[in-house]
Amino acid sequence: HNNLGSYYQKNNRLEEALNEFNEAIRLQPKYPEALINRSDIFRVKGNTQQAINDCTHALQYNPDYPGAHMNRGIALSIAGKYDSAYRDFKLVLIAEPNNSHAYSNLGNLLDMQGKTDSALLCYNRAIEIEPTYADCYKNRARSNLAFHHYDAALSDINYAISAYENDGSLYATRADIEFAQNNFQAAIDDATRAQQLGFNINPAYFEMLKQKLLRESK
């Protein structure tokens, strides 16, 4: 049941995945892997507290399970329990010092708290460990943008787009970078692309870009 649930999860069939994980846990309540997998489903569905509970139960049965700390840290971050999330991510890194995803998630947590400089260091370390970690390039692009490192931000977001060319949020981020570089036509093009891919762009943003472009052309 756990393996079948994982198959459904990978194919975004969340209800079927949840049913399989529930059955796996019913048959074997002390099943850390199934609990962790179910916690993923709960988190994606917005049931953050249930996700935290499943991770905590998994750790009761296997206290040295980095995956449980990782998943719980993500759920705790969403719940705004930043100190507890920080402890979980650090425990992952104690067990697995080269875990790129732990560094990236820690970076996300620090960014949520406005600690952009520390977040950037975590993203740098994650990419140093895993140079093809596209999701982390996306996050680092936002941090580089915050520090006005526009060329670095553009390079990062371009890498992310090369991996996820149908993710509208990435084009919206690139539009923000291009706007900061006063490249208004490129920003309009990317904002339009983001909207075509289903990402919501405020009409006022388009109007501002058009006005900027108009003034530039005079």
C-alpha atoms as a PDB file:
ATOM      1  CA  HIS A   1       0.000   0.000   0.000  1.00  0.00           C
ATOM      2  CA  ASN A   2       2.840   2.410   0.770  1.00  0.00           C
ATOM      3  CA  ASN A   3       4.508   1.781  -2.598  1.00  0.00           C
ATOM      4  CA  LEU A   4       1.231   2.174  -4.451  1.00  0.00           C
ATOM      5  CA  GLY A   5       0.556   5.371  -2.526  1.00  0.00           C
ATOM      6  CA  SER A   6       3.960   6.695  -3.576  1.00  0.00           C
ATOM      7  CA  TYR A   7       3.116   5.905  -7.198  1.00  0.00           C
ATOM      8  CA  TYR A   8      -0.160   7.823  -6.962  1.00  0.00           C
ATOM      9  CA  GLN A   9       1.597  10.699  -5.210  1.00  0.00           C
ATOM     10  CA  LYS A  10       4.197  11.034  -7.979  1.00  0.00           C
ATOM     11  CA  ASN A  11       1.357  11.196 -10.488  1.00  0.00           C
ATOM     12  CA  ASN A  12      -0.496  13.855  -8.458  1.00  0.00           C
ATOM     13  CA  ARG A  13      -3.387  11.505  -7.655  1.00  0.00           C
ATOM     14  CA  LEU A  14      -3.512  12.738  -4.082  1.00  0.00           C
ATOM     15  CA  GLU A  15      -6.793  11.240  -2.882  1.00  0.00           C
ATOM     16  CA  GLU A  16      -5.803   7.788  -4.104  1.00  0.00           C
ATOM     17  CA  ALA A  17      -2.375   8.220  -2.532  1.00  0.00           C
ATOM     18  CA  LEU A  18      -3.938   9.243   0.773  1.00  0.00           C
ATOM     19  CA  ASN A  19      -6.206   6.198   0.751  1.00  0.00           C
ATOM     20  CA  GLU A  20      -3.237   3.879   0.213  1.00  0.00           C
ATOM     21  CA  PHE A  21      -1.151   5.499   2.957  1.00  0.00           C
ATOM     22  CA  ASN A  22      -4.130   5.318   5.325  1.00  0.00           C
ATOM     23  CA  GLU A  23      -4.458   1.608   4.602  1.00  0.00           C
ATOM     24  CA  ALA A  24      -0.723   1.016   5.066  1.00  0.00           C
ATOM     25  CA  ILE A  25      -0.858   2.738   8.466  1.00  0.00           C
ATOM     26  CA  ARG A  26      -4.045   0.887   9.455  1.00  0.00           C
ATOM     27  CA  LEU A  27      -2.319  -2.426   8.772  1.00  0.00           C
ATOM     28  CA  GLN A  28       0.961  -1.363  10.380  1.00  0.00           C
ATOM     29  CA  PRO A  29       0.497   1.653  12.691  1.00  0.00           C
ATOM     30  CA  LYS A  30       4.217   1.923  13.509  1.00  0.00           C
ATOM     31  CA  TYR A  31       5.245   2.533   9.895  1.00  0.00           C
ATOM     32  CA  PRO A  32       7.454   5.665   9.741  1.00  0.00           C
ATOM     33  CA  GLU A  33       7.799   5.723   5.936  1.00  0.00           C
ATOM     34  CA  ALA A  34       4.036   5.628   5.394  1.00  0.00           C
ATOM     35  CA  LEU A  35       3.510   8.292   8.050  1.00  0.00           C
ATOM     36  CA  ILE A  36       6.039  10.567   6.364  1.00  0.00           C
ATOM     37  CA  ASN A  37       4.485   9.996   2.963  1.00  0.00           C
ATOM     38  CA  ARG A  38       1.044  10.765   4.357  1.00  0.00           C
ATOM     39  CA  SER A  39       2.385  13.920   5.966  1.00  0.00           C
ATOM     40  CA  ASP A  40       3.359  15.129   2.482  1.00  0.00           C
ATOM     41  CA  ILE A  41      -0.213  14.683   1.295  1.00  0.00           C
ATOM     42  CA  PHE A  42      -1.651  16.450   4.326  1.00  0.00           C
ATOM     43  CA  ARG A  43       0.734  19.388   3.856  1.00  0.00           C
ATOM     44  CA  VAL A  44      -0.081  19.777   0.161  1.00  0.00           C
ATOM     45  CA  LYS A  45      -3.807  19.661   0.985  1.00  0.00           C
ATOM     46  CA  GLY A  46      -3.357  22.361   3.623  1.00  0.00           C
ATOM     47  CA  ASN A  47      -3.763  20.100   6.667  1.00  0.00           C
ATOM     48  CA  THR A  48      -0.594  21.396   8.274  1.00  0.00           C
ATOM     49  CA  GLN A  49      -1.250  20.206  11.821  1.00  0.00           C
ATOM     50  CA  GLN A  50      -2.009  16.682  10.639  1.00  0.00           C
ATOM     51  CA  ALA A  51       1.251  16.728   8.696  1.00  0.00           C
ATOM     52  CA  ILE A  52       3.125  17.763  11.843  1.00  0.00           C
ATOM     53  CA  ASN A  53       1.391  15.040  13.853  1.00  0.00           C
ATOM     54  CA  ASP A  54       2.338  12.320  11.362  1.00  0.00           C
ATOM     55  CA  CYS A  55       5.988  13.400  11.407  1.00  0.00           C
ATOM     56  CA  THR A  56       6.015  13.443  15.198  1.00  0.00           C
ATOM     57  CA  HIS A  57       4.563   9.924  15.304  1.00  0.00           C
ATOM     58  CA  ALA A  58       7.152   8.731  12.792  1.00  0.00           C
ATOM     59  CA  LEU A  59       9.907  10.095  15.035  1.00  0.00           C
ATOM     60  CA  GLN A  60       8.469   8.229  18.010  1.00  0.00           C
ATOM     61  CA  TYR A  61       9.020   4.988  16.096  1.00  0.00           C
ATOM     62  CA  ASN A  62      12.316   6.038  14.489  1.00  0.00           C
ATOM     63  CA  PRO A  63      13.964   8.947  16.347  1.00  0.00           C
ATOM     64  CA  ASP A  64      16.895   9.087  13.900  1.00  0.00           C
ATOM     65  CA  TYR A  65      14.849   9.613  10.743  1.00  0.00           C
ATOM     66  CA  PRO A  66      16.065  12.739   8.890  1.00  0.00           C
ATOM     67  CA  GLY A  67      13.115  12.626   6.489  1.00  0.00           C
ATOM     68  CA  ALA A  68      10.703  13.033   9.388  1.00  0.00           C
ATOM     69  CA  HIS A  69      12.574  16.071  10.690  1.00  0.00           C
ATOM     70  CA  MET A  70      12.679  17.518   7.172  1.00  0.00           C
ATOM     71  CA  ASN A  71       8.951  17.131   6.551  1.00  0.00           C
ATOM     72  CA  ARG A  72       8.055  18.378  10.002  1.00  0.00           C
ATOM     73  CA  GLY A  73      10.342  21.371   9.558  1.00  0.00           C
ATOM     74  CA  ILE A  74       8.567  22.322   6.336  1.00  0.00           C
ATOM     75  CA  ALA A  75       5.137  21.967   7.956  1.00  0.00           C
ATOM     76  CA  LEU A  76       6.240  23.920  11.031  1.00  0.00           C
ATOM     77  CA  SER A  77       7.535  26.686   8.758  1.00  0.00           C
ATOM     78  CA  ILE A  78       4.132  26.936   7.102  1.00  0.00           C
ATOM     79  CA  ALA A  79       2.506  27.035  10.547  1.00  0.00           C
ATOM     80  CA  GLY A  80       4.749  29.942  11.542  1.00  0.00           C
ATOM     81  CA  LYS A  81       6.544  27.909  14.227  1.00  0.00           C
ATOM     82  CA  TYR A  82       9.932  29.098  13.077  1.00  0.00           C
ATOM     83  CA  ASP A  83      12.083  28.128  16.061  1.00  0.00           C
ATOM     84  CA  SER A  84      10.830  24.545  16.004  1.00  0.00           C
ATOM     85  CA  ALA A  85      11.269  24.363  12.232  1.00  0.00           C
ATOM     86  CA  TYR A  86      14.830  25.651  12.571  1.00  0.00           C
ATOM     87  CA  ARG A  87      15.643  22.902  15.080  1.00  0.00           C
ATOM     88  CA  ASP A  88      14.289  20.228  12.751  1.00  0.00           C
ATOM     89  CA  PHE A  89      16.318  21.426   9.763  1.00  0.00           C
ATOM     90  CA  LYS A  90      19.470  21.620  11.893  1.00  0.00           C
ATOM     91  CA  LEU A  91      18.878  18.051  13.076  1.00  0.00           C
ATOM     92  CA  VAL A  92      18.724  16.939   9.442  1.00  0.00           C
ATOM     93  CA  LEU A  93      22.036  18.672   8.760  1.00  0.00           C
ATOM     94  CA  ILE A  94      23.665  17.077  11.803  1.00  0.00           C
ATOM     95  CA  ALA A  95      22.690  13.654  10.445  1.00  0.00           C
ATOM     96  CA  GLU A  96      23.316  14.534   6.788  1.00  0.00           C
ATOM     97  CA  PRO A  97      25.740  17.489   6.485  1.00  0.00           C
ATOM     98  CA  ASN A  98      25.530  17.488   2.687  1.00  0.00           C
ATOM     99  CA  ASN A  99      21.747  17.446   2.400  1.00  0.00           C
ATOM    100  CA  SER A 100      21.082  20.160  -0.192  1.00  0.00           C
ATOM    101  CA  HIS A 101      17.331  20.122   0.436  1.00  0.00           C
ATOM    102  CA  ALA A 102      17.833  20.796   4.138  1.00  0.00           C
ATOM    103  CA  TYR A 103      19.944  23.849   3.296  1.00  0.00           C
ATOM    104  CA  SER A 104      17.355  25.046   0.801  1.00  0.00           C
ATOM    105  CA  ASN A 105      14.478  24.591   3.252  1.00  0.00           C
ATOM    106  CA  LEU A 106      16.485  26.339   5.951  1.00  0.00           C
ATOM    107  CA  GLY A 107      17.045  29.171   3.483  1.00  0.00           C
ATOM    108  CA  ASN A 108      13.305  29.391   2.849  1.00  0.00           C
ATOM    109  CA  LEU A 109      12.670  29.529   6.591  1.00  0.00           C
ATOM    110  CA  LEU A 110      15.217  32.300   7.103  1.00  0.00           C
ATOM    111  CA  ASP A 111      13.767  34.217   4.163  1.00  0.00           C
ATOM    112  CA  MET A 112      10.293  34.013   5.742  1.00  0.00           C
ATOM    113  CA  GLN A 113      11.802  35.707   8.793  1.00  0.00           C
ATOM    114  CA  GLY A 114      13.369  38.483   6.736  1.00  0.00           C
ATOM    115  CA  LYS A 115      16.887  37.110   7.213  1.00  0.00           C
ATOM    116  CA  THR A 116      17.715  37.406   3.534  1.00  0.00           C
ATOM    117  CA  ASP A 117      21.486  37.454   3.977  1.00  0.00           C
ATOM    118  CA  SER A 118      21.470  34.184   5.928  1.00  0.00           C
ATOM    119  CA  ALA A 119      18.987  32.676   3.473  1.00  0.00           C
ATOM    120  CA  LEU A 120      21.308  33.504   0.583  1.00  0.00           C
ATOM    121  CA  LEU A 121      24.174  31.685   2.303  1.00  0.00           C
ATOM    122  CA  CYS A 122      21.985  28.596   2.674  1.00  0.00           C
ATOM    123  CA  TYR A 123      20.956  28.688  -0.983  1.00  0.00           C
ATOM    124  CA  ASN A 124      24.590  29.067  -2.015  1.00  0.00           C
ATOM    125  CA  ARG A 125      25.528  26.017   0.035  1.00  0.00           C
ATOM    126  CA  ALA A 126      22.641  23.961  -1.357  1.00  0.00           C
ATOM    127  CA  ILE A 127      23.685  24.747  -4.931  1.00  0.00           C
ATOM    128  CA  GLU A 128      27.329  24.079  -4.109  1.00  0.00           C
ATOM    129  CA  ILE A 129      26.284  20.586  -2.999  1.00  0.00           C
ATOM    130  CA  GLU A 130      23.802  20.055  -5.849  1.00  0.00           C
ATOM    131  CA  PRO A 131      24.603  22.329  -8.819  1.00  0.00           C
ATOM    132  CA  THR A 132      21.498  21.216 -10.756  1.00  0.00           C
ATOM    133  CA  TYR A 133      19.002  22.031  -7.957  1.00  0.00           C
ATOM    134  CA  ALA A 134      16.609  24.147 -10.056  1.00  0.00           C
ATOM    135  CA  ASP A 135      14.149  24.938  -7.243  1.00  0.00           C
ATOM    136  CA  CYS A 136      16.948  26.423  -5.205  1.00  0.00           C
ATOM    137  CA  TYR A 137      18.039  28.635  -8.104  1.00  0.00           C
ATOM    138  CA  LYS A 138      14.508  30.050  -8.122  1.00  0.00           C
ATOM    139  CA  ASN A 139      14.720  30.893  -4.427  1.00  0.00           C
ATOM    140  CA  ARG A 140      18.225  32.296  -4.718  1.00  0.00           C
ATOM    141  CA  ALA A 141      17.083  34.536  -7.565  1.00  0.00           C
ATOM    142  CA  ARG A 142      14.631  36.251  -5.189  1.00  0.00           C
ATOM    143  CA  SER A 143      17.353  36.737  -2.583  1.00  0.00           C
ATOM    144  CA  ASN A 144      19.781  38.116  -5.153  1.00  0.00           C
ATOM    145  CA  LEU A 145      17.062  40.484  -6.365  1.00  0.00           C
ATOM    146  CA  ALA A 146      16.543  41.729  -2.806  1.00  0.00           C
ATOM    147  CA  PHE A 147      20.253  42.570  -2.618  1.00  0.00           C
ATOM    148  CA  HIS A 148      20.184  44.259  -6.062  1.00  0.00           C
ATOM    149  CA  HIS A 149      22.440  41.550  -7.496  1.00  0.00           C
ATOM    150  CA  TYR A 150      20.504  41.761 -10.736  1.00  0.00           C
ATOM    151  CA  ASP A 151      22.852  39.869 -13.044  1.00  0.00           C
ATOM    152  CA  ALA A 152      23.132  37.003 -10.562  1.00  0.00           C
ATOM    153  CA  ALA A 153      19.365  36.995 -10.051  1.00  0.00           C
ATOM    154  CA  LEU A 154      18.762  36.875 -13.805  1.00  0.00           C
ATOM    155  CA  SER A 155      21.233  34.028 -14.237  1.00  0.00           C
ATOM    156  CA  ASP A 156      19.544  32.060 -11.449  1.00  0.00           C
ATOM    157  CA  ILE A 157      16.009  32.532 -12.738  1.00  0.00           C
ATOM    158  CA  ASN A 158      17.054  31.645 -16.279  1.00  0.00           C
ATOM    159  CA  TYR A 159      18.427  28.352 -14.976  1.00  0.00           C
ATOM    160  CA  ALA A 160      15.165  27.662 -13.142  1.00  0.00           C
ATOM    161  CA  ILE A 161      13.139  28.452 -16.278  1.00  0.00           C
ATOM    162  CA  SER A 162      15.274  26.056 -18.309  1.00  0.00           C
ATOM    163  CA  ALA A 163      14.131  23.307 -15.932  1.00  0.00           C
ATOM    164  CA  TYR A 164      10.501  24.409 -15.471  1.00  0.00           C
ATOM    165  CA  GLU A 165       9.540  26.266 -18.620  1.00  0.00           C
ATOM    166  CA  ASN A 166       5.792  26.051 -17.894  1.00  0.00           C
ATOM    167  CA  ASP A 167       5.951  27.551 -14.390  1.00  0.00           C
ATOM    168  CA  GLY A 168       4.352  30.980 -14.636  1.00  0.00           C
ATOM    169  CA  SER A 169       5.758  32.151 -11.308  1.00  0.00           C
ATOM    170  CA  LEU A 170       9.281  31.968 -12.725  1.00  0.00           C
ATOM    171  CA  TYR A 171       8.446  34.341 -15.559  1.00  0.00           C
ATOM    172  CA  ALA A 172       6.839  36.696 -13.038  1.00  0.00           C
ATOM    173  CA  THR A 173      10.064  36.671 -11.036  1.00  0.00           C
ATOM    174  CA  ARG A 174      12.107  37.342 -14.154  1.00  0.00           C
ATOM    175  CA  ALA A 175       9.771  40.239 -14.958  1.00  0.00           C
ATOM    176  CA  ASP A 176      10.524  41.712 -11.522  1.00  0.00           C
ATOM    177  CA  ILE A 177      14.254  41.420 -12.183  1.00  0.00           C
ATOM    178  CA  GLU A 178      13.931  43.010 -15.629  1.00  0.00           C
ATOM    179  CA  PHE A 179      11.840  45.812 -14.151  1.00  0.00           C
ATOM    180  CA  ALA A 180      14.599  46.476 -11.618  1.00  0.00           C
ATOM    181  CA  GLN A 181      17.045  46.647 -14.542  1.00  0.00           C
ATOM    182  CA  ASN A 182      14.770  49.151 -16.347  1.00  0.00           C
ATOM    183  CA  ASN A 183      14.240  46.575 -19.104  1.00  0.00           C
ATOM    184  CA  PHE A 184      10.536  47.326 -19.313  1.00  0.00           C
ATOM    185  CA  GLN A 185       9.675  45.645 -22.615  1.00  0.00           C
ATOM    186  CA  ALA A 186      11.243  42.368 -21.477  1.00  0.00           C
ATOM    187  CA  ALA A 187       9.346  42.683 -18.181  1.00  0.00           C
ATOM    188  CA  ILE A 188       6.063  43.144 -20.068  1.00  0.00           C
ATOM    189  CA  ASP A 189       6.813  40.108 -22.228  1.00  0.00           C
ATOM    190  CA  ASP A 190       7.596  37.915 -19.222  1.00  0.00           C
ATOM    191  CA  ALA A 191       4.610  39.140 -17.209  1.00  0.00           C
ATOM    192  CA  THR A 192       2.419  38.328 -20.215  1.00  0.00           C
ATOM    193  CA  ARG A 193       3.957  34.862 -20.437  1.00  0.00           C
ATOM    194  CA  ALA A 194       3.382  34.321 -16.712  1.00  0.00           C
ATOM    195  CA  GLN A 195      -0.266  35.240 -17.119  1.00  0.00           C
ATOM    196  CA  GLN A 196      -0.645  32.918 -20.115  1.00  0.00           C
ATOM    197  CA  LEU A 197       0.632  30.100 -17.906  1.00  0.00           C
ATOM    198  CA  GLY A 198      -1.999  30.820 -15.268  1.00  0.00           C
ATOM    199  CA  PHE A 199      -0.030  33.014 -12.859  1.00  0.00           C
ATOM    200  CA  ASN A 200      -2.070  35.991 -11.674  1.00  0.00           C
ATOM    201  CA  ILE A 201      -0.544  39.362 -12.572  1.00  0.00           C
ATOM    202  CA  ASN A 202      -2.079  42.539 -11.176  1.00  0.00           C
ATOM    203  CA  PRO A 203      -3.365  44.708 -14.056  1.00  0.00           C
ATOM    204  CA  ALA A 204      -1.843  47.718 -12.292  1.00  0.00           C
ATOM    205  CA  TYR A 205       1.574  46.093 -12.721  1.00  0.00           C
ATOM    206  CA  PHE A 206       1.088  45.933 -16.480  1.00  0.00           C
ATOM    207  CA  GLU A 207      -0.069  49.536 -16.568  1.00  0.00           C
ATOM    208  CA  MET A 208       2.951  50.682 -14.578  1.00  0.00           C
ATOM    209  CA  LEU A 209       5.307  48.846 -16.934  1.00  0.00           C
ATOM    210  CA  LYS A 210       3.618  50.356 -19.979  1.00  0.00           C
ATOM    211  CA  GLN A 211       3.881  53.850 -18.518  1.00  0.00           C
ATOM    212  CA  LYS A 212       7.560  53.303 -17.732  1.00  0.00           C
ATOM    213  CA  LEU A 213       8.167  52.098 -21.291  1.00  0.00           C
ATOM    214  CA  LEU A 214       6.278  55.055 -22.743  1.00  0.00           C
ATOM    215  CA  ARG A 215       8.306  57.576 -20.738  1.00  0.00           C
ATOM    216  CA  GLU A 216      11.515  55.808 -21.719  1.00  0.00           C
ATOM    217  CA  SER A 217      10.684  56.055 -25.425  1.00  0.00           C
ATOM    218  CA  LYS A 218      10.123  59.821 -25.319  1.00  0.00           C
END
